[in-house]
Amino acid sequence: MPPPTNVQLGAAIRKLRQSRTGLSIERLAEEAGVHRTTLSLIERGLGNPTWEILRSLAVEMDVGIEEIVRLAARMPTANASSSARRA
């Protein structure tokens, strides 16, 4: 299985943030020590998170990095979600 794309990784982080923690993007960023703009870019698939940022986010969401990566691998790719929006 190929590694997830940044779009998939960002979607997984957003899904976990919203469904498991209920934290706003601003609150999670503050708790994880990440600038809110950086987290926003990551969630939109426009940023490339470092392992340190992934670890910080995982700790604050009380999940393992491996759970984020597994969920990301199951998320639709950018092309699939773009096609679905047009249909």
C-alpha atoms as a PDB file:
ATOM      1  CA  MET A   1       0.000   0.000   0.000  1.00  0.00           C
ATOM      2  CA  PRO A   2       1.445   3.392  -0.961  1.00  0.00           C
ATOM      3  CA  PRO A   3       1.789   6.043   1.737  1.00  0.00           C
ATOM      4  CA  PRO A   4      -1.162   8.417   2.048  1.00  0.00           C
ATOM      5  CA  THR A   5      -1.082  11.733   0.245  1.00  0.00           C
ATOM      6  CA  ASN A   6      -1.063  15.050   2.088  1.00  0.00           C
ATOM      7  CA  VAL A   7      -4.740  15.453   1.157  1.00  0.00           C
ATOM      8  CA  GLN A   8      -5.604  12.093   2.728  1.00  0.00           C
ATOM      9  CA  LEU A   9      -3.496  12.810   5.800  1.00  0.00           C
ATOM     10  CA  GLY A  10      -5.124  16.202   6.293  1.00  0.00           C
ATOM     11  CA  ALA A  11      -8.611  14.741   5.880  1.00  0.00           C
ATOM     12  CA  ALA A  12      -7.833  12.075   8.477  1.00  0.00           C
ATOM     13  CA  ILE A  13      -6.561  14.653  10.971  1.00  0.00           C
ATOM     14  CA  ARG A  14      -9.662  16.803  10.440  1.00  0.00           C
ATOM     15  CA  LYS A  15     -11.968  13.810  10.853  1.00  0.00           C
ATOM     16  CA  LEU A  16     -10.266  12.720  14.071  1.00  0.00           C
ATOM     17  CA  ARG A  17     -10.228  16.267  15.421  1.00  0.00           C
ATOM     18  CA  GLN A  18     -13.929  16.753  14.802  1.00  0.00           C
ATOM     19  CA  SER A  19     -15.234  13.296  15.684  1.00  0.00           C
ATOM     20  CA  ARG A  20     -13.039  12.287  18.607  1.00  0.00           C
ATOM     21  CA  THR A  21     -12.080  15.483  20.322  1.00  0.00           C
ATOM     22  CA  GLY A  22     -14.644  18.066  19.264  1.00  0.00           C
ATOM     23  CA  LEU A  23     -11.805  20.588  19.418  1.00  0.00           C
ATOM     24  CA  SER A  24     -11.781  23.599  17.189  1.00  0.00           C
ATOM     25  CA  ILE A  25      -8.840  23.948  14.852  1.00  0.00           C
ATOM     26  CA  GLU A  26      -7.611  26.879  16.955  1.00  0.00           C
ATOM     27  CA  ARG A  27      -7.768  24.896  20.215  1.00  0.00           C
ATOM     28  CA  LEU A  28      -6.032  21.803  18.815  1.00  0.00           C
ATOM     29  CA  ALA A  29      -3.307  23.960  17.275  1.00  0.00           C
ATOM     30  CA  GLU A  30      -2.758  25.744  20.591  1.00  0.00           C
ATOM     31  CA  GLU A  31      -2.701  22.514  22.610  1.00  0.00           C
ATOM     32  CA  ALA A  32      -0.307  20.842  20.138  1.00  0.00           C
ATOM     33  CA  GLY A  33       1.992  23.863  19.898  1.00  0.00           C
ATOM     34  CA  VAL A  34       1.316  24.359  16.193  1.00  0.00           C
ATOM     35  CA  HIS A  35       0.274  27.631  14.577  1.00  0.00           C
ATOM     36  CA  ARG A  36      -3.404  27.529  13.561  1.00  0.00           C
ATOM     37  CA  THR A  37      -2.515  28.487   9.998  1.00  0.00           C
ATOM     38  CA  THR A  38      -0.123  25.540   9.799  1.00  0.00           C
ATOM     39  CA  LEU A  39      -2.796  23.150  11.053  1.00  0.00           C
ATOM     40  CA  SER A  40      -5.326  24.615   8.627  1.00  0.00           C
ATOM     41  CA  LEU A  41      -2.935  24.071   5.716  1.00  0.00           C
ATOM     42  CA  ILE A  42      -2.300  20.491   6.855  1.00  0.00           C
ATOM     43  CA  GLU A  43      -6.014  19.711   7.177  1.00  0.00           C
ATOM     44  CA  ARG A  44      -6.644  21.079   3.679  1.00  0.00           C
ATOM     45  CA  GLY A  45      -3.845  18.948   2.235  1.00  0.00           C
ATOM     46  CA  LEU A  46      -1.719  21.960   1.411  1.00  0.00           C
ATOM     47  CA  GLY A  47       0.849  21.451   4.169  1.00  0.00           C
ATOM     48  CA  ASN A  48       3.382  18.703   4.707  1.00  0.00           C
ATOM     49  CA  PRO A  49       3.453  17.887   8.433  1.00  0.00           C
ATOM     50  CA  THR A  50       6.675  16.831  10.069  1.00  0.00           C
ATOM     51  CA  TRP A  51       6.783  13.730  12.249  1.00  0.00           C
ATOM     52  CA  GLU A  52       7.056  16.046  15.264  1.00  0.00           C
ATOM     53  CA  ILE A  53       3.845  17.860  14.317  1.00  0.00           C
ATOM     54  CA  LEU A  54       2.075  14.542  13.686  1.00  0.00           C
ATOM     55  CA  ARG A  55       3.237  13.307  17.084  1.00  0.00           C
ATOM     56  CA  SER A  56       2.020  16.473  18.816  1.00  0.00           C
ATOM     57  CA  LEU A  57      -1.369  16.289  17.125  1.00  0.00           C
ATOM     58  CA  ALA A  58      -1.701  12.589  17.904  1.00  0.00           C
ATOM     59  CA  VAL A  59      -0.888  13.167  21.588  1.00  0.00           C
ATOM     60  CA  GLU A  60      -3.475  15.942  21.878  1.00  0.00           C
ATOM     61  CA  MET A  61      -6.139  13.856  20.095  1.00  0.00           C
ATOM     62  CA  ASP A  62      -5.213  10.793  22.201  1.00  0.00           C
ATOM     63  CA  VAL A  63      -4.508   8.597  19.173  1.00  0.00           C
ATOM     64  CA  GLY A  64      -1.384   6.989  17.799  1.00  0.00           C
ATOM     65  CA  ILE A  65       0.346   8.239  14.682  1.00  0.00           C
ATOM     66  CA  GLU A  66      -0.305   4.804  13.171  1.00  0.00           C
ATOM     67  CA  GLU A  67      -4.061   5.349  13.612  1.00  0.00           C
ATOM     68  CA  ILE A  68      -3.839   8.651  11.745  1.00  0.00           C
ATOM     69  CA  VAL A  69      -1.885   7.004   8.912  1.00  0.00           C
ATOM     70  CA  ARG A  70      -4.280   4.013   8.709  1.00  0.00           C
ATOM     71  CA  LEU A  71      -7.302   6.304   8.544  1.00  0.00           C
ATOM     72  CA  ALA A  72      -5.563   8.500   5.969  1.00  0.00           C
ATOM     73  CA  ALA A  73      -4.905   5.496   3.730  1.00  0.00           C
ATOM     74  CA  ARG A  74      -8.670   4.848   3.655  1.00  0.00           C
ATOM     75  CA  MET A  75      -9.591   8.453   2.812  1.00  0.00           C
ATOM     76  CA  PRO A  76     -10.432   9.352  -0.788  1.00  0.00           C
ATOM     77  CA  THR A  77      -7.669  10.865  -2.867  1.00  0.00           C
ATOM     78  CA  ALA A  78      -7.943  14.422  -4.185  1.00  0.00           C
ATOM     79  CA  ASN A  79      -9.012  13.223  -7.628  1.00  0.00           C
ATOM     80  CA  ALA A  80     -11.766  10.995  -6.250  1.00  0.00           C
ATOM     81  CA  SER A  81     -13.225  13.718  -4.038  1.00  0.00           C
ATOM     82  CA  SER A  82     -13.036  16.302  -6.839  1.00  0.00           C
ATOM     83  CA  SER A  83     -14.905  13.978  -9.194  1.00  0.00           C
ATOM     84  CA  ALA A  84     -17.528  13.234  -6.559  1.00  0.00           C
ATOM     85  CA  ARG A  85     -18.180  16.952  -6.042  1.00  0.00           C
ATOM     86  CA  ARG A  86     -18.755  17.487  -9.759  1.00  0.00           C
ATOM     87  CA  ALA A  87     -21.224  14.591 -10.116  1.00  0.00           C
END
